[in-house]
């Protein structure tokens, strides 16, 4: 009886699988498109009827992190990366080898920069001879991390990457997104890559070195670019007509030259700069630095270092801040004088939101103390009363978001100098925050208050 029951159950399961397999390819493809590509490949292995379907998916995403072997925990890191990389290569070759005429809307491959990885680019090259691939993304990762003689390794990776781009121009020609990590390239090499990637819209460079160190940037379609801990003296944004967002995290920091040079960037709207300044760095005058760029969102992260923005007269800043609507100033050392911030408020006629975050008071270190003992004179010398008469008369409403370490004197100053200021704290408030606003309540009683379950007193708006 038990065997008969088992046979019936197995038969019902087989019938269900047969009914699913009987569906048209379009429906089955629609089902697989909802899965991650790695899962779709694994699913297709279970049935002969499904085996050809991964090759006709419209969206293919293959990342080396999804192809870890089952016994990966027992392998050395180098062996694990090698086997994972080989699995990605084999999956890419298998999927793209299908002789389908269906269009691939998006193909994303993340792999380690090893010699055998060139097979991925060759597979894409061959596939594009028979079918259209609308958009491609490469995430190219370093095989090694934290090794000695890292500079030599970057040179090897740079040569390997350039050989890939030269050998497979068709694959790189359809790239819309490129994430490249840990290579050293010459300026002419990088120019060649950009000219090959004709459709490129997003570029992220992580821990990349460039020689010579003034990096020339020209590209007709690039929309967003991120430079993260890259080595260069300066980046010359010579002609990027569609660039909207630029993010630069850490640069060399030279006394003689600005890290960026803004040429033809008519659509640049968002600029985010992260840098821990020192006494050796050149102060940045935004009126000179931004040039013809008129950005709408400016994000500055000082990483608890020296303030590297030089206050300027509003008349000088007005042309470059004429479109500024959002200003974010974060990781300002808690010992820093904040009155220099007023020059931004005054020079930006369209400013709607200002976000201010001091360095977390719990993260203060002896090194920070030493830095600010040395730089106290510089900070104290910054202009404190730079506002002109129109500031007090301005009727615009500005939302100013402050954190729990902002000084009471700064909060009261900003309230006393402007009407229509809405003062908002961060959501995650600690007990350190309450005494500050208690102080503000005593000195500025016109602040409208509300009770919050997180703290006893939180100001929400100012009506003066």
Protein backbone atom coordinates (compact mmCIF):
# COMPACT_ATOMS: atom_id res chain seq x y z
CA UNK A 1 0.00 0.00 0.00
CA UNK A 2 2.79 2.34 0.91
CA UNK A 3 4.53 1.72 -2.40
CA UNK A 4 1.31 2.40 -4.30
CA UNK A 5 0.82 5.68 -2.41
CA UNK A 6 4.36 6.71 -3.20
CA UNK A 7 3.88 5.89 -6.86
CA UNK A 8 0.70 7.98 -7.02
CA UNK A 9 2.43 10.95 -5.35
CA UNK A 10 5.38 10.73 -7.73
CA UNK A 11 3.00 10.50 -10.66
CA UNK A 12 1.10 13.60 -9.55
CA UNK A 13 4.38 15.49 -9.18
CA UNK A 14 5.49 14.39 -12.64
CA UNK A 15 2.16 15.47 -14.13
CA UNK A 16 2.51 18.92 -12.52
CA UNK A 17 6.02 19.29 -13.94
CA UNK A 18 4.76 18.19 -17.35
CA UNK A 19 1.97 20.78 -17.27
CA UNK A 20 4.49 23.50 -16.38
CA UNK A 21 6.87 22.35 -19.10
CA UNK A 22 3.99 22.37 -21.59
CA UNK A 23 3.73 26.15 -21.28
CA UNK A 24 5.03 28.24 -24.20
CA UNK A 25 8.61 29.48 -24.08
CA UNK A 26 7.49 33.09 -23.64
CA UNK A 27 5.73 32.27 -20.36
CA UNK A 28 8.59 30.12 -19.11
CA UNK A 29 11.05 32.88 -19.93
CA UNK A 30 8.84 35.35 -18.08
CA UNK A 31 8.99 33.06 -15.04
CA UNK A 32 12.78 32.68 -15.19
CA UNK A 33 13.27 36.42 -15.73
CA UNK A 34 11.87 36.93 -12.24
CA UNK A 35 14.60 34.78 -10.74
CA UNK A 36 18.25 35.62 -10.24
CA UNK A 37 20.22 34.36 -13.24
CA UNK A 38 22.19 31.94 -11.06
CA UNK A 39 18.94 30.41 -9.78
CA UNK A 40 17.47 30.34 -13.28
CA UNK A 41 20.48 28.39 -14.54
CA UNK A 42 20.18 25.90 -11.68
CA UNK A 43 16.44 25.50 -12.34
CA UNK A 44 16.95 24.84 -16.04
CA UNK A 45 19.27 21.91 -15.29
CA UNK A 46 16.38 19.99 -13.71
CA UNK A 47 14.49 19.51 -16.96
CA UNK A 48 15.59 18.96 -20.56
CA UNK A 49 12.66 21.09 -21.66
CA UNK A 50 14.08 24.08 -19.75
CA UNK A 51 17.76 23.75 -20.60
CA UNK A 52 17.78 26.16 -23.51
CA UNK A 53 15.84 28.88 -21.68
CA UNK A 54 18.69 30.68 -19.82
CA UNK A 55 20.18 31.42 -23.24
CA UNK A 56 17.11 33.41 -24.26
CA UNK A 57 16.62 35.47 -21.09
CA UNK A 58 16.25 39.21 -21.61
CA UNK A 59 18.10 40.07 -18.38
CA UNK A 60 21.28 38.21 -17.41
CA UNK A 61 23.19 39.01 -14.23
CA UNK A 62 26.20 36.88 -13.32
CA UNK A 63 28.42 37.81 -10.39
CA UNK A 64 31.37 35.89 -9.04
CA UNK A 65 30.00 36.18 -5.51
CA UNK A 66 27.01 34.03 -6.46
CA UNK A 67 29.14 31.14 -7.72
CA UNK A 68 30.93 30.03 -4.59
CA UNK A 69 31.46 26.24 -4.53
CA UNK A 70 29.66 24.17 -1.91
CA UNK A 71 32.94 23.26 -0.23
CA UNK A 72 34.08 26.90 -0.32
CA UNK A 73 34.47 27.13 3.45
CA UNK A 74 37.21 24.51 3.25
CA UNK A 75 39.20 26.26 0.52
CA UNK A 76 41.93 28.84 0.76
CA UNK A 77 40.83 32.31 -0.35
CA UNK A 78 42.87 32.20 -3.55
CA UNK A 79 41.46 28.79 -4.52
CA UNK A 80 37.94 29.97 -3.73
CA UNK A 81 38.31 33.00 -6.01
CA UNK A 82 39.75 30.88 -8.82
CA UNK A 83 36.95 28.33 -8.72
CA UNK A 84 34.25 30.98 -8.40
CA UNK A 85 35.72 32.87 -11.34
CA UNK A 86 35.85 29.76 -13.51
CA UNK A 87 32.18 29.09 -12.70
CA UNK A 88 31.22 32.60 -13.83
CA UNK A 89 33.17 32.15 -17.05
CA UNK A 90 31.54 28.80 -17.79
CA UNK A 91 28.05 30.15 -17.04
CA UNK A 92 28.62 33.15 -19.32
CA UNK A 93 29.90 30.95 -22.15
CA UNK A 94 27.02 28.49 -21.77
CA UNK A 95 24.28 31.13 -21.74
CA UNK A 96 25.66 33.25 -24.57
CA UNK A 97 26.46 30.24 -26.78
CA UNK A 98 22.74 29.77 -27.44
CA UNK A 99 21.92 30.59 -31.08
CA UNK A 100 18.91 32.68 -30.21
CA UNK A 101 17.78 35.76 -32.09
CA UNK A 102 16.15 37.21 -28.95
CA UNK A 103 17.42 40.55 -27.77
CA UNK A 104 19.26 40.76 -24.43
CA UNK A 105 18.17 43.97 -22.75
CA UNK A 106 20.72 43.88 -19.95
CA UNK A 107 23.83 41.76 -19.40
CA UNK A 108 25.87 42.21 -16.21
CA UNK A 109 28.99 40.19 -15.39
CA UNK A 110 31.14 40.56 -12.28
CA UNK A 111 34.47 38.72 -12.33
CA UNK A 112 38.03 38.73 -11.07
CA UNK A 113 40.67 40.22 -13.33
CA UNK A 114 42.51 37.02 -14.21
CA UNK A 115 43.99 35.89 -17.53
CA UNK A 116 41.19 33.41 -18.24
CA UNK A 117 38.54 36.09 -17.68
CA UNK A 118 39.11 37.34 -21.21
CA UNK A 119 36.86 34.44 -22.25
CA UNK A 120 33.92 36.45 -20.92
CA UNK A 121 34.63 39.32 -23.30
CA UNK A 122 35.17 36.86 -26.17
CA UNK A 123 31.79 35.23 -25.43
CA UNK A 124 30.05 38.61 -25.54
CA UNK A 125 31.90 39.49 -28.73
CA UNK A 126 30.72 36.27 -30.40
CA UNK A 127 27.15 36.60 -29.13
CA UNK A 128 26.83 40.12 -30.52
CA UNK A 129 27.52 38.76 -34.01
CA UNK A 130 24.14 36.96 -33.87
CA UNK A 131 21.95 38.95 -31.48
CA UNK A 132 21.49 42.40 -30.04
CA UNK A 133 22.75 43.20 -26.54
CA UNK A 134 21.26 46.55 -25.57
CA UNK A 135 23.12 47.27 -22.34
CA UNK A 136 26.16 45.67 -20.69
CA UNK A 137 27.77 46.09 -17.30
CA UNK A 138 31.22 44.89 -16.21
CA UNK A 139 32.24 44.76 -12.55
CA UNK A 140 35.95 43.98 -12.66
CA UNK A 141 37.42 43.03 -9.30
CA UNK A 142 41.00 42.46 -8.10
CA UNK A 143 41.92 38.89 -7.38
CA UNK A 144 44.30 39.86 -4.58
CA UNK A 145 43.86 42.20 -1.63
CA UNK A 146 46.31 43.75 0.81
CA UNK A 147 49.39 42.14 -0.68
CA UNK A 148 52.93 43.50 -0.57
CA UNK A 149 54.11 45.37 -3.65
CA UNK A 150 50.55 46.39 -4.44
CA UNK A 151 51.77 48.95 -6.96
CA UNK A 152 53.35 46.20 -9.07
CA UNK A 153 50.13 44.23 -8.93
CA UNK A 154 48.17 47.26 -10.14
CA UNK A 155 50.49 47.56 -13.13
CA UNK A 156 49.89 43.89 -14.01
CA UNK A 157 46.14 44.37 -13.69
CA UNK A 158 46.26 47.49 -15.83
CA UNK A 159 48.05 45.68 -18.66
CA UNK A 160 45.61 42.76 -18.37
CA UNK A 161 42.61 45.07 -18.53
CA UNK A 162 43.92 46.92 -21.57
CA UNK A 163 44.53 43.61 -23.38
CA UNK A 164 40.88 42.74 -22.70
CA UNK A 165 39.61 46.00 -24.16
CA UNK A 166 41.83 45.73 -27.26
CA UNK A 167 40.93 42.08 -27.91
CA UNK A 168 37.15 42.56 -27.57
CA UNK A 169 36.18 46.03 -28.82
CA UNK A 170 32.63 44.93 -29.62
CA UNK A 171 32.00 43.79 -26.03
CA UNK A 172 33.41 47.03 -24.61
CA UNK A 173 31.60 49.03 -27.26
CA UNK A 174 28.21 48.11 -25.79
CA UNK A 175 29.22 48.78 -22.18
CA UNK A 176 26.93 51.21 -20.39
CA UNK A 177 28.27 50.60 -16.89
CA UNK A 178 31.87 49.92 -15.89
CA UNK A 179 33.17 49.34 -12.37
CA UNK A 180 36.95 48.96 -12.40
CA UNK A 181 39.05 48.27 -9.32
CA UNK A 182 42.76 48.28 -8.55
CA UNK A 183 44.53 48.98 -11.85
CA UNK A 184 47.19 51.41 -12.99
CA UNK A 185 46.64 53.03 -16.37
CA UNK A 186 48.42 55.65 -18.39
CA UNK A 187 46.45 58.68 -19.49
CA UNK A 188 46.48 57.53 -23.11
CA UNK A 189 45.31 54.05 -22.04
CA UNK A 190 42.34 55.51 -20.22
CA UNK A 191 41.52 57.74 -23.18
CA UNK A 192 41.51 54.64 -25.41
CA UNK A 193 39.13 52.85 -23.03
CA UNK A 194 36.70 55.77 -23.01
CA UNK A 195 36.77 56.02 -26.80
CA UNK A 196 36.06 52.27 -27.07
CA UNK A 197 33.16 52.38 -24.58
CA UNK A 198 31.04 54.59 -26.81
CA UNK A 199 27.78 53.98 -24.91
CA UNK A 200 29.19 54.35 -21.39
CA UNK A 201 26.81 56.06 -18.94
CA UNK A 202 28.16 55.05 -15.52
CA UNK A 203 31.82 54.79 -14.52
CA UNK A 204 33.17 53.87 -11.10
CA UNK A 205 36.92 53.69 -10.51
CA UNK A 206 38.10 52.29 -7.18
CA UNK A 207 41.72 52.39 -6.02
CA UNK A 208 43.00 53.09 -9.53
CA UNK A 209 46.25 54.93 -10.35
CA UNK A 210 46.87 57.11 -13.36
CA UNK A 211 50.15 58.16 -14.94
CA UNK A 212 50.68 60.94 -15.80
CA UNK A 213 48.58 62.12 -12.93
CA UNK A 214 46.44 64.76 -14.66
CA UNK A 215 43.53 62.68 -15.91
CA UNK A 216 41.80 64.01 -19.03
CA UNK A 217 38.07 63.20 -19.27
CA UNK A 218 36.07 63.47 -22.50
CA UNK A 219 32.98 61.39 -23.24
CA UNK A 220 29.70 62.18 -25.03
CA UNK A 221 27.33 59.89 -23.07
CA UNK A 222 28.72 59.60 -19.51
CA UNK A 223 26.03 60.52 -16.94
CA UNK A 224 27.52 59.51 -13.58
CA UNK A 225 31.12 59.09 -12.47
CA UNK A 226 32.63 57.99 -9.15
CA UNK A 227 36.33 58.16 -8.27
CA UNK A 228 37.00 56.37 -4.99
CA UNK A 229 40.48 56.49 -3.41
CA UNK A 230 42.18 56.92 -6.78
CA UNK A 231 45.66 58.37 -7.25
CA UNK A 232 45.83 61.44 -9.48
CA UNK A 233 47.00 65.02 -9.21
CA UNK A 234 43.91 66.39 -10.88
CA UNK A 235 40.99 65.36 -13.09
CA UNK A 236 40.29 67.63 -16.03
CA UNK A 237 36.59 67.35 -16.92
CA UNK A 238 37.28 68.67 -20.36
CA UNK A 239 34.05 67.74 -22.13
CA UNK A 240 31.30 65.70 -20.49
CA UNK A 241 28.09 67.16 -21.96
CA UNK A 242 25.73 64.67 -20.25
CA UNK A 243 27.44 64.32 -16.86
CA UNK A 244 24.92 64.90 -14.06
CA UNK A 245 26.54 63.38 -10.97
CA UNK A 246 30.19 63.43 -9.90
CA UNK A 247 31.43 61.73 -6.71
CA UNK A 248 35.07 61.99 -5.65
CA UNK A 249 36.20 60.26 -2.46
CA UNK A 250 39.78 61.16 -1.47
CA UNK A 251 42.48 62.64 -3.68
CA UNK A 252 46.20 63.31 -3.39
CA UNK A 253 45.88 66.78 -1.89
CA UNK A 254 48.40 69.20 -3.35
CA UNK A 255 49.14 72.80 -2.46
CA UNK A 256 49.49 73.99 -6.04
CA UNK A 257 46.49 72.50 -7.84
CA UNK A 258 42.81 71.79 -7.33
CA UNK A 259 41.77 68.12 -7.55
CA UNK A 260 39.19 68.87 -10.24
CA UNK A 261 38.99 71.17 -13.22
CA UNK A 262 35.51 71.81 -14.58
CA UNK A 263 35.39 72.33 -18.32
CA UNK A 264 32.27 71.70 -20.39
CA UNK A 265 29.82 70.08 -17.94
CA UNK A 266 26.52 71.88 -18.70
CA UNK A 267 24.27 69.28 -17.02
CA UNK A 268 26.29 68.68 -13.85
CA UNK A 269 23.79 68.97 -10.99
CA UNK A 270 25.19 66.88 -8.11
CA UNK A 271 28.72 67.09 -6.72
CA UNK A 272 29.89 65.05 -3.71
CA UNK A 273 33.42 65.47 -2.35
CA UNK A 274 34.92 63.47 0.52
CA UNK A 275 38.35 64.31 1.87
CA UNK A 276 40.19 64.52 5.18
CA UNK A 277 42.11 67.75 4.92
CA UNK A 278 45.50 68.58 6.40
CA UNK A 279 47.50 71.79 6.81
CA UNK A 280 49.37 70.98 3.60
CA UNK A 281 46.28 71.08 1.38
CA UNK A 282 45.24 73.90 -0.85
CA UNK A 283 42.10 75.69 0.32
CA UNK A 284 39.32 75.43 -2.24
CA UNK A 285 37.63 78.65 -3.30
CA UNK A 286 34.35 77.51 -4.80
CA UNK A 287 34.15 80.55 -7.07
CA UNK A 288 37.40 79.42 -8.75
CA UNK A 289 36.98 75.68 -8.29
CA UNK A 290 33.52 75.23 -9.85
CA UNK A 291 34.23 77.47 -12.81
CA UNK A 292 31.24 77.43 -15.18
CA UNK A 293 29.48 74.59 -13.35
CA UNK A 294 26.23 75.61 -11.63
CA UNK A 295 25.31 72.65 -9.44
CA UNK A 296 22.01 72.03 -7.65
CA UNK A 297 23.24 69.70 -4.88
CA UNK A 298 26.59 70.04 -3.07
CA UNK A 299 27.70 67.38 -0.59
CA UNK A 300 30.94 67.93 1.34
CA UNK A 301 32.29 65.30 3.75
CA UNK A 302 35.28 66.54 5.76
CA UNK A 303 36.02 63.21 7.50
CA UNK A 304 36.80 65.03 10.75
CA UNK A 305 39.78 66.73 9.13
CA UNK A 306 40.65 70.30 8.36
CA UNK A 307 38.00 72.46 6.69
CA UNK A 308 39.29 72.84 3.14
CA UNK A 309 36.59 75.19 1.85
CA UNK A 310 37.58 78.86 1.94
CA UNK A 311 34.76 81.30 2.85
CA UNK A 312 34.20 83.95 0.18
CA UNK A 313 32.10 87.03 -0.37
CA UNK A 314 28.59 86.21 -1.65
CA UNK A 315 29.08 88.33 -4.77
CA UNK A 316 31.91 86.04 -5.85
CA UNK A 317 30.01 82.86 -5.04
CA UNK A 318 26.60 83.81 -6.42
CA UNK A 319 27.37 82.81 -10.06
CA UNK A 320 28.43 79.25 -9.14
CA UNK A 321 25.80 78.73 -6.43
CA UNK A 322 22.92 80.28 -8.34
CA UNK A 323 21.22 76.88 -8.80
CA UNK A 324 22.11 75.35 -5.42
CA UNK A 325 19.06 73.87 -3.68
CA UNK A 326 20.64 71.25 -1.41
CA UNK A 327 23.82 71.64 0.66
CA UNK A 328 25.15 68.82 2.85
CA UNK A 329 28.12 69.32 5.17
CA UNK A 330 29.04 66.18 7.10
CA UNK A 331 31.74 64.81 9.41
CA UNK A 332 32.76 68.27 10.63
CA UNK A 333 35.00 68.02 13.68
CA UNK A 334 33.05 68.98 16.80
CA UNK A 335 35.75 71.48 17.79
CA UNK A 336 35.31 73.39 14.53
CA UNK A 337 33.75 76.84 14.46
CA UNK A 338 30.54 76.60 12.41
CA UNK A 339 29.93 80.27 11.65
CA UNK A 340 31.83 79.93 8.35
CA UNK A 341 28.83 77.98 7.02
CA UNK A 342 26.79 81.17 6.74
CA UNK A 343 28.54 82.18 3.53
CA UNK A 344 26.88 79.24 1.76
CA UNK A 345 23.46 80.19 3.09
CA UNK A 346 23.85 83.73 1.91
CA UNK A 347 25.28 83.10 -1.56
CA UNK A 348 22.69 80.52 -2.71
CA UNK A 349 19.39 82.26 -3.57
CA UNK A 350 17.53 78.99 -4.29
CA UNK A 351 18.77 77.02 -1.25
CA UNK A 352 15.98 74.91 0.25
CA UNK A 353 17.75 72.31 2.39
CA UNK A 354 20.96 72.36 4.41
CA UNK A 355 22.16 69.20 6.14
CA UNK A 356 24.82 69.60 8.84
CA UNK A 357 26.40 66.68 10.69
CA UNK A 358 29.23 67.03 13.13
CA UNK A 359 31.72 64.26 13.82
CA UNK A 360 30.20 61.82 16.30
CA UNK A 361 31.17 62.98 19.79
CA UNK A 362 31.90 59.38 20.83
CA UNK A 363 34.50 58.95 18.07
CA UNK A 364 36.85 61.69 19.19
CA UNK A 365 40.48 60.49 19.27
CA UNK A 366 43.79 61.81 20.51
CA UNK A 367 44.85 62.27 16.88
CA UNK A 368 41.87 64.56 16.28
CA UNK A 369 42.85 66.57 19.36
CA UNK A 370 46.40 67.02 18.07
CA UNK A 371 45.14 68.08 14.65
CA UNK A 372 42.89 70.76 16.03
CA UNK A 373 45.43 72.03 18.49
CA UNK A 374 47.68 72.68 15.49
CA UNK A 375 44.91 74.15 13.37
CA UNK A 376 43.06 76.18 15.97
CA UNK A 377 44.53 79.40 14.63
CA UNK A 378 43.35 78.62 11.10
CA UNK A 379 39.80 77.81 12.18
CA UNK A 380 39.54 80.86 14.40
CA UNK A 381 40.67 83.07 11.53
CA UNK A 382 37.79 82.08 9.28
CA UNK A 383 35.36 84.90 8.59
CA UNK A 384 32.53 84.86 11.09
CA UNK A 385 30.18 87.66 10.02
CA UNK A 386 29.98 87.42 6.27
CA UNK A 387 26.21 87.97 5.87
CA UNK A 388 24.86 91.02 4.07
CA UNK A 389 21.64 92.94 4.71
CA UNK A 390 19.53 90.94 2.23
CA UNK A 391 19.99 87.75 4.27
CA UNK A 392 17.75 88.95 7.10
CA UNK A 393 15.12 90.16 4.64
CA UNK A 394 15.04 86.94 2.62
CA UNK A 395 11.58 85.34 2.80
CA UNK A 396 12.62 81.91 1.52
CA UNK A 397 11.92 78.91 3.71
CA UNK A 398 15.06 76.85 4.39
CA UNK A 399 15.06 73.46 6.10
CA UNK A 400 18.23 73.08 8.17
CA UNK A 401 18.90 69.54 9.40
CA UNK A 402 21.37 69.37 12.28
CA UNK A 403 22.81 66.51 14.27
CA UNK A 404 23.19 65.98 17.99
CA UNK A 405 26.65 67.55 18.26
CA UNK A 406 25.95 70.94 16.64
CA UNK A 407 26.94 73.72 18.98
CA UNK A 408 24.20 75.73 20.70
CA UNK A 409 25.84 78.99 19.65
CA UNK A 410 25.59 77.99 15.98
CA UNK A 411 21.94 76.96 16.31
CA UNK A 412 20.98 80.22 18.00
CA UNK A 413 22.98 82.27 15.49
CA UNK A 414 21.28 80.71 12.51
CA UNK A 415 17.87 81.22 14.12
CA UNK A 416 18.54 84.83 15.03
CA UNK A 417 19.69 85.78 11.55
CA UNK A 418 16.87 84.43 9.39
CA UNK A 419 13.14 84.13 9.20
CA UNK A 420 11.45 81.01 7.84
CA UNK A 421 14.10 78.61 9.08
CA UNK A 422 12.82 75.14 9.82
CA UNK A 423 15.19 73.36 12.16
CA UNK A 424 15.05 69.58 12.12
CA UNK A 425 17.12 67.04 14.09
CA UNK A 426 18.21 63.68 12.76
CA UNK A 427 15.88 60.77 13.45
CA UNK A 428 18.31 58.81 15.62
CA UNK A 429 18.83 61.14 18.54
CA UNK A 430 20.91 60.40 21.60
CA UNK A 431 20.70 61.90 25.06
CA UNK A 432 23.51 64.33 24.19
CA UNK A 433 21.08 66.17 21.92
CA UNK A 434 18.49 67.19 24.53
CA UNK A 435 20.56 69.65 26.60
CA UNK A 436 21.56 71.52 23.45
CA UNK A 437 18.00 72.22 22.47
CA UNK A 438 17.07 72.97 26.04
CA UNK A 439 19.67 75.70 25.79
CA UNK A 440 18.17 76.92 22.53
CA UNK A 441 14.72 77.02 24.12
CA UNK A 442 16.01 79.27 26.85
CA UNK A 443 17.67 81.70 24.46
CA UNK A 444 15.19 81.48 21.55
CA UNK A 445 11.72 80.90 23.03
CA UNK A 446 9.94 81.44 19.71
CA UNK A 447 10.90 77.98 18.45
CA UNK A 448 7.81 75.84 18.03
CA UNK A 449 8.26 72.59 19.93
CA UNK A 450 6.65 69.18 19.80
CA UNK A 451 6.90 66.12 22.04
CA UNK A 452 8.58 63.07 20.54
CA UNK A 453 8.71 59.52 21.87
CA UNK A 454 12.48 59.52 21.27
CA UNK A 455 13.34 62.67 23.23
CA UNK A 456 11.57 65.15 25.46
CA UNK A 457 12.23 68.24 23.42
CA UNK A 458 12.64 68.47 19.65
CA UNK A 459 12.26 71.77 17.76
CA UNK A 460 10.42 71.40 14.48
CA UNK A 461 10.13 74.89 13.10
CA UNK A 462 11.02 78.50 13.69
CA UNK A 463 8.61 81.36 13.28
CA UNK A 464 10.22 84.71 13.95
